[in-house]
Amino acid sequence: MGKRDELIAKYADDLISKCGIQPDMDLLTKVTIGCGPSIYNADASTVAGSQPDELETVKNSFLMKKLGLADGPELMAAINSVIETYGKSERNKYRAVIYYMLTKHFGKESVYS
């Protein structure tokens, strides 16, 4: 099992144990690959849920650019909802897990097909 496969397994475990979500492994794999090399960097692989700048980056770079969503208050509401589901006190909020949950939230799985 390669490093990426190990990370995908870790993300799946987080979705199951911390978020109560049974992941679609195919989609989770595609979202993880879409994150690129950032998944291998300790700082870039996580999202600081309490930092407004970080949440803006998720909104602008992922929701608007990658998923093609129009800007609006529902984007930040969705990000906050996902952070809440993951657990605000959870120290390591993995970017791939958050992106996966946002992709599912907005029904944008087709972006990865």
N, C-alpha and C. Protein backbone atom coordinates (compact mmCIF):
# COMPACT_ATOMS: atom_id res chain seq x y z
N MET A 1 0.84 -1.19 0.00
CA MET A 1 0.00 0.00 0.00
C MET A 1 0.88 1.25 0.00
N GLY A 2 0.62 2.15 -0.95
CA GLY A 2 1.42 3.37 -1.06
C GLY A 2 1.00 4.41 -0.04
N LYS A 3 1.78 5.48 0.02
CA LYS A 3 1.52 6.56 0.97
C LYS A 3 0.14 7.18 0.73
N ARG A 4 -0.22 7.40 -0.55
CA ARG A 4 -1.53 7.99 -0.85
C ARG A 4 -2.66 7.08 -0.37
N ASP A 5 -2.52 5.77 -0.59
CA ASP A 5 -3.54 4.82 -0.14
C ASP A 5 -3.69 4.83 1.37
N GLU A 6 -2.56 4.97 2.07
CA GLU A 6 -2.60 5.05 3.53
C GLU A 6 -3.36 6.29 3.98
N LEU A 7 -3.11 7.41 3.29
CA LEU A 7 -3.80 8.66 3.64
C LEU A 7 -5.30 8.54 3.35
N ILE A 8 -5.66 7.95 2.22
CA ILE A 8 -7.07 7.77 1.88
C ILE A 8 -7.76 6.92 2.95
N ALA A 9 -7.08 5.88 3.41
CA ALA A 9 -7.64 5.02 4.47
C ALA A 9 -7.82 5.83 5.76
N LYS A 10 -6.86 6.70 6.06
CA LYS A 10 -6.96 7.55 7.26
C LYS A 10 -8.14 8.52 7.12
N TYR A 11 -8.32 9.09 5.93
CA TYR A 11 -9.43 10.03 5.69
C TYR A 11 -10.77 9.30 5.82
N ALA A 12 -10.84 8.08 5.28
CA ALA A 12 -12.07 7.28 5.37
C ALA A 12 -12.39 6.99 6.84
N ASP A 13 -11.36 6.68 7.61
CA ASP A 13 -11.54 6.41 9.03
C ASP A 13 -12.07 7.64 9.76
N ASP A 14 -11.54 8.83 9.41
CA ASP A 14 -12.03 10.08 10.00
C ASP A 14 -13.51 10.29 9.66
N LEU A 15 -13.86 10.05 8.40
CA LEU A 15 -15.26 10.24 7.98
C LEU A 15 -16.19 9.32 8.78
N ILE A 16 -15.76 8.08 8.98
CA ILE A 16 -16.58 7.11 9.71
C ILE A 16 -16.62 7.42 11.20
N SER A 17 -15.44 7.54 11.82
CA SER A 17 -15.38 7.65 13.27
C SER A 17 -15.67 9.04 13.82
N LYS A 18 -15.30 10.10 13.09
CA LYS A 18 -15.48 11.45 13.62
C LYS A 18 -16.69 12.17 13.05
N CYS A 19 -17.09 11.78 11.84
CA CYS A 19 -18.20 12.49 11.18
C CYS A 19 -19.46 11.65 11.05
N GLY A 20 -19.34 10.35 11.31
CA GLY A 20 -20.49 9.47 11.19
C GLY A 20 -20.97 9.31 9.76
N ILE A 21 -20.03 9.39 8.82
CA ILE A 21 -20.36 9.30 7.38
C ILE A 21 -19.70 8.06 6.80
N GLN A 22 -20.47 7.27 6.07
CA GLN A 22 -19.90 6.12 5.35
C GLN A 22 -19.42 6.65 4.00
N PRO A 23 -18.10 6.71 3.78
CA PRO A 23 -17.61 7.35 2.56
C PRO A 23 -17.78 6.54 1.28
N ASP A 24 -17.97 7.27 0.19
CA ASP A 24 -17.93 6.71 -1.16
C ASP A 24 -16.43 6.70 -1.49
N MET A 25 -15.81 5.52 -1.42
CA MET A 25 -14.35 5.43 -1.55
C MET A 25 -13.85 5.92 -2.90
N ASP A 26 -14.62 5.71 -3.95
CA ASP A 26 -14.22 6.18 -5.27
C ASP A 26 -14.13 7.70 -5.29
N LEU A 27 -15.16 8.35 -4.76
CA LEU A 27 -15.17 9.82 -4.71
C LEU A 27 -14.08 10.33 -3.77
N LEU A 28 -13.92 9.70 -2.61
CA LEU A 28 -12.89 10.12 -1.66
C LEU A 28 -11.51 10.04 -2.31
N THR A 29 -11.26 8.99 -3.07
CA THR A 29 -9.99 8.84 -3.77
C THR A 29 -9.79 9.97 -4.77
N LYS A 30 -10.83 10.28 -5.54
CA LYS A 30 -10.73 11.36 -6.54
C LYS A 30 -10.52 12.72 -5.90
N VAL A 31 -11.22 12.98 -4.79
CA VAL A 31 -11.06 14.25 -4.08
C VAL A 31 -9.63 14.35 -3.54
N THR A 32 -9.13 13.25 -2.98
CA THR A 32 -7.77 13.24 -2.44
C THR A 32 -6.75 13.50 -3.54
N ILE A 33 -6.90 12.85 -4.68
CA ILE A 33 -5.99 13.07 -5.81
C ILE A 33 -6.08 14.53 -6.26
N GLY A 34 -7.31 15.08 -6.23
CA GLY A 34 -7.51 16.47 -6.62
C GLY A 34 -6.82 17.47 -5.71
N CYS A 35 -6.53 17.07 -4.48
CA CYS A 35 -5.81 17.95 -3.55
C CYS A 35 -4.34 18.07 -3.93
N GLY A 36 -3.87 17.17 -4.78
CA GLY A 36 -2.48 17.23 -5.23
C GLY A 36 -1.49 16.94 -4.13
N PRO A 37 -0.27 17.48 -4.30
CA PRO A 37 0.81 17.18 -3.35
C PRO A 37 0.59 17.74 -1.94
N SER A 38 -0.41 18.62 -1.78
CA SER A 38 -0.65 19.22 -0.45
C SER A 38 -0.95 18.16 0.61
N ILE A 39 -1.48 16.99 0.20
CA ILE A 39 -1.81 15.95 1.19
C ILE A 39 -0.57 15.40 1.90
N TYR A 40 0.60 15.60 1.30
CA TYR A 40 1.84 15.09 1.90
C TYR A 40 2.53 16.12 2.80
N ASN A 41 1.98 17.35 2.85
CA ASN A 41 2.57 18.41 3.65
C ASN A 41 1.74 18.56 4.92
N ALA A 42 2.38 18.44 6.07
CA ALA A 42 1.66 18.46 7.36
C ALA A 42 0.77 19.69 7.51
N ASP A 43 1.26 20.86 7.12
CA ASP A 43 0.49 22.09 7.29
C ASP A 43 -0.60 22.21 6.22
N ALA A 44 -0.26 21.97 4.98
CA ALA A 44 -1.20 22.14 3.87
C ALA A 44 -2.30 21.06 3.85
N SER A 45 -2.03 19.91 4.46
CA SER A 45 -3.00 18.81 4.41
C SER A 45 -4.17 19.00 5.35
N THR A 46 -4.07 20.01 6.25
CA THR A 46 -5.15 20.26 7.20
C THR A 46 -5.74 21.65 6.98
N VAL A 47 -6.94 21.83 7.52
CA VAL A 47 -7.62 23.13 7.45
C VAL A 47 -7.76 23.63 8.88
N ALA A 48 -7.28 24.86 9.11
CA ALA A 48 -7.43 25.48 10.43
C ALA A 48 -8.83 26.07 10.50
N GLY A 49 -9.74 25.33 11.10
CA GLY A 49 -11.14 25.72 11.12
C GLY A 49 -11.46 26.99 11.87
N SER A 50 -10.53 27.47 12.69
CA SER A 50 -10.79 28.68 13.47
C SER A 50 -10.16 29.92 12.84
N GLN A 51 -9.49 29.76 11.69
CA GLN A 51 -8.85 30.90 11.04
C GLN A 51 -9.67 31.37 9.84
N PRO A 52 -10.25 32.58 9.94
CA PRO A 52 -11.08 33.11 8.85
C PRO A 52 -10.38 33.11 7.48
N ASP A 53 -9.07 33.42 7.46
CA ASP A 53 -8.35 33.44 6.17
C ASP A 53 -8.36 32.06 5.52
N GLU A 54 -8.17 31.05 6.35
CA GLU A 54 -8.14 29.67 5.86
C GLU A 54 -9.49 29.28 5.28
N LEU A 55 -10.56 29.67 5.95
CA LEU A 55 -11.91 29.35 5.49
C LEU A 55 -12.24 30.09 4.19
N GLU A 56 -11.72 31.32 4.06
CA GLU A 56 -11.89 32.09 2.81
C GLU A 56 -11.19 31.36 1.67
N THR A 57 -10.01 30.82 1.95
CA THR A 57 -9.26 30.08 0.93
C THR A 57 -10.05 28.86 0.47
N VAL A 58 -10.64 28.13 1.42
CA VAL A 58 -11.46 26.97 1.07
C VAL A 58 -12.62 27.42 0.18
N LYS A 59 -13.24 28.53 0.57
CA LYS A 59 -14.39 29.04 -0.19
C LYS A 59 -13.96 29.45 -1.61
N ASN A 60 -12.92 30.26 -1.71
CA ASN A 60 -12.50 30.79 -3.01
C ASN A 60 -11.86 29.74 -3.91
N SER A 61 -10.89 29.01 -3.36
CA SER A 61 -10.13 28.06 -4.18
C SER A 61 -10.88 26.77 -4.47
N PHE A 62 -11.63 26.29 -3.50
CA PHE A 62 -12.30 25.02 -3.72
C PHE A 62 -13.75 25.18 -4.18
N LEU A 63 -14.57 25.83 -3.36
CA LEU A 63 -16.00 25.91 -3.69
C LEU A 63 -16.26 26.71 -4.97
N MET A 64 -15.60 27.86 -5.11
CA MET A 64 -15.88 28.70 -6.27
C MET A 64 -15.08 28.27 -7.51
N LYS A 65 -13.78 28.04 -7.31
CA LYS A 65 -12.94 27.70 -8.46
C LYS A 65 -13.12 26.26 -8.91
N LYS A 66 -12.96 25.31 -7.99
CA LYS A 66 -13.01 23.89 -8.36
C LYS A 66 -14.45 23.41 -8.62
N LEU A 67 -15.36 23.72 -7.69
CA LEU A 67 -16.73 23.23 -7.84
C LEU A 67 -17.61 24.17 -8.68
N GLY A 68 -17.11 25.38 -8.96
CA GLY A 68 -17.84 26.31 -9.82
C GLY A 68 -19.09 26.91 -9.20
N LEU A 69 -19.09 27.06 -7.88
CA LEU A 69 -20.26 27.63 -7.20
C LEU A 69 -20.17 29.15 -7.17
N ALA A 70 -21.33 29.81 -7.19
CA ALA A 70 -21.37 31.27 -7.11
C ALA A 70 -21.22 31.69 -5.65
N ASP A 71 -20.55 32.82 -5.44
CA ASP A 71 -20.33 33.31 -4.08
C ASP A 71 -21.67 33.67 -3.43
N GLY A 72 -21.76 33.39 -2.16
CA GLY A 72 -22.97 33.71 -1.42
C GLY A 72 -22.81 33.23 0.02
N PRO A 73 -23.68 33.69 0.90
CA PRO A 73 -23.56 33.32 2.32
C PRO A 73 -23.68 31.82 2.57
N GLU A 74 -24.35 31.10 1.65
CA GLU A 74 -24.52 29.65 1.84
C GLU A 74 -23.19 28.91 1.76
N LEU A 75 -22.19 29.48 1.08
CA LEU A 75 -20.88 28.81 0.98
C LEU A 75 -20.21 28.76 2.36
N MET A 76 -20.14 29.91 3.03
CA MET A 76 -19.50 29.93 4.35
C MET A 76 -20.34 29.14 5.35
N ALA A 77 -21.66 29.17 5.21
CA ALA A 77 -22.53 28.39 6.09
C ALA A 77 -22.23 26.90 5.93
N ALA A 78 -22.01 26.45 4.70
CA ALA A 78 -21.70 25.05 4.44
C ALA A 78 -20.34 24.68 5.04
N ILE A 79 -19.36 25.56 4.88
CA ILE A 79 -18.02 25.30 5.44
C ILE A 79 -18.14 25.17 6.96
N ASN A 80 -18.85 26.09 7.59
CA ASN A 80 -19.01 26.05 9.05
C ASN A 80 -19.76 24.79 9.49
N SER A 81 -20.73 24.37 8.71
CA SER A 81 -21.49 23.16 9.01
C SER A 81 -20.58 21.92 8.95
N VAL A 82 -19.73 21.88 7.94
CA VAL A 82 -18.79 20.76 7.78
C VAL A 82 -17.78 20.74 8.93
N ILE A 83 -17.28 21.91 9.31
CA ILE A 83 -16.33 22.02 10.43
C ILE A 83 -17.02 21.53 11.71
N GLU A 84 -18.27 21.90 11.88
CA GLU A 84 -19.07 21.48 13.05
C GLU A 84 -19.22 19.96 13.06
N THR A 85 -19.54 19.38 11.90
CA THR A 85 -19.69 17.92 11.79
C THR A 85 -18.38 17.22 12.13
N TYR A 86 -17.27 17.76 11.62
CA TYR A 86 -15.95 17.17 11.86
C TYR A 86 -15.60 17.25 13.34
N GLY A 87 -16.06 18.33 13.98
CA GLY A 87 -15.76 18.55 15.39
C GLY A 87 -14.82 19.72 15.55
N LYS A 88 -15.33 20.83 16.08
CA LYS A 88 -14.51 22.04 16.23
C LYS A 88 -13.25 21.76 17.05
N SER A 89 -13.35 20.87 18.01
CA SER A 89 -12.20 20.59 18.88
C SER A 89 -11.21 19.63 18.23
N GLU A 90 -11.60 19.04 17.11
CA GLU A 90 -10.71 18.11 16.41
C GLU A 90 -9.52 18.89 15.85
N ARG A 91 -8.33 18.56 16.31
CA ARG A 91 -7.15 19.33 15.94
C ARG A 91 -6.80 19.18 14.46
N ASN A 92 -6.75 17.95 13.96
CA ASN A 92 -6.40 17.71 12.56
C ASN A 92 -7.66 17.54 11.71
N LYS A 93 -8.04 18.61 11.06
CA LYS A 93 -9.16 18.54 10.12
C LYS A 93 -8.54 18.42 8.74
N TYR A 94 -8.57 17.23 8.20
CA TYR A 94 -7.89 17.00 6.92
C TYR A 94 -8.63 17.67 5.77
N ARG A 95 -7.87 18.36 4.93
CA ARG A 95 -8.40 19.08 3.78
C ARG A 95 -9.22 18.16 2.88
N ALA A 96 -8.72 16.96 2.60
CA ALA A 96 -9.43 16.03 1.71
C ALA A 96 -10.79 15.64 2.30
N VAL A 97 -10.87 15.48 3.62
CA VAL A 97 -12.12 15.12 4.27
C VAL A 97 -13.12 16.28 4.16
N ILE A 98 -12.65 17.49 4.42
CA ILE A 98 -13.51 18.68 4.33
C ILE A 98 -13.97 18.88 2.89
N TYR A 99 -13.08 18.74 1.93
CA TYR A 99 -13.45 18.89 0.51
C TYR A 99 -14.45 17.81 0.11
N TYR A 100 -14.25 16.59 0.61
CA TYR A 100 -15.18 15.50 0.31
C TYR A 100 -16.58 15.85 0.82
N MET A 101 -16.65 16.29 2.09
CA MET A 101 -17.96 16.60 2.68
C MET A 101 -18.62 17.77 1.96
N LEU A 102 -17.84 18.76 1.54
CA LEU A 102 -18.40 19.90 0.81
C LEU A 102 -18.89 19.47 -0.58
N THR A 103 -18.15 18.58 -1.22
CA THR A 103 -18.55 18.07 -2.54
C THR A 103 -19.90 17.37 -2.41
N LYS A 104 -20.04 16.53 -1.38
CA LYS A 104 -21.30 15.82 -1.14
C LYS A 104 -22.42 16.81 -0.77
N HIS A 105 -22.09 17.78 0.08
CA HIS A 105 -23.08 18.77 0.54
C HIS A 105 -23.73 19.50 -0.64
N PHE A 106 -22.90 19.88 -1.60
CA PHE A 106 -23.42 20.64 -2.75
C PHE A 106 -23.81 19.75 -3.92
N GLY A 107 -23.69 18.42 -3.75
CA GLY A 107 -24.07 17.50 -4.83
C GLY A 107 -23.24 17.69 -6.09
N LYS A 108 -21.95 17.98 -5.90
CA LYS A 108 -21.07 18.27 -7.03
C LYS A 108 -20.13 17.11 -7.37
N GLU A 109 -20.57 15.88 -7.08
CA GLU A 109 -19.74 14.71 -7.38
C GLU A 109 -19.35 14.64 -8.84
N SER A 110 -20.18 15.19 -9.72
CA SER A 110 -19.93 15.13 -11.17
C SER A 110 -18.62 15.85 -11.55
N VAL A 111 -18.16 16.78 -10.72
CA VAL A 111 -16.90 17.48 -10.98
C VAL A 111 -15.75 16.47 -11.05
N TYR A 112 -15.89 15.38 -10.30
CA TYR A 112 -14.82 14.38 -10.21
C TYR A 112 -15.04 13.17 -11.11
N SER A 113 -16.07 13.20 -11.96
CA SER A 113 -16.31 11.99 -12.79
C SER A 113 -15.61 12.09 -14.13
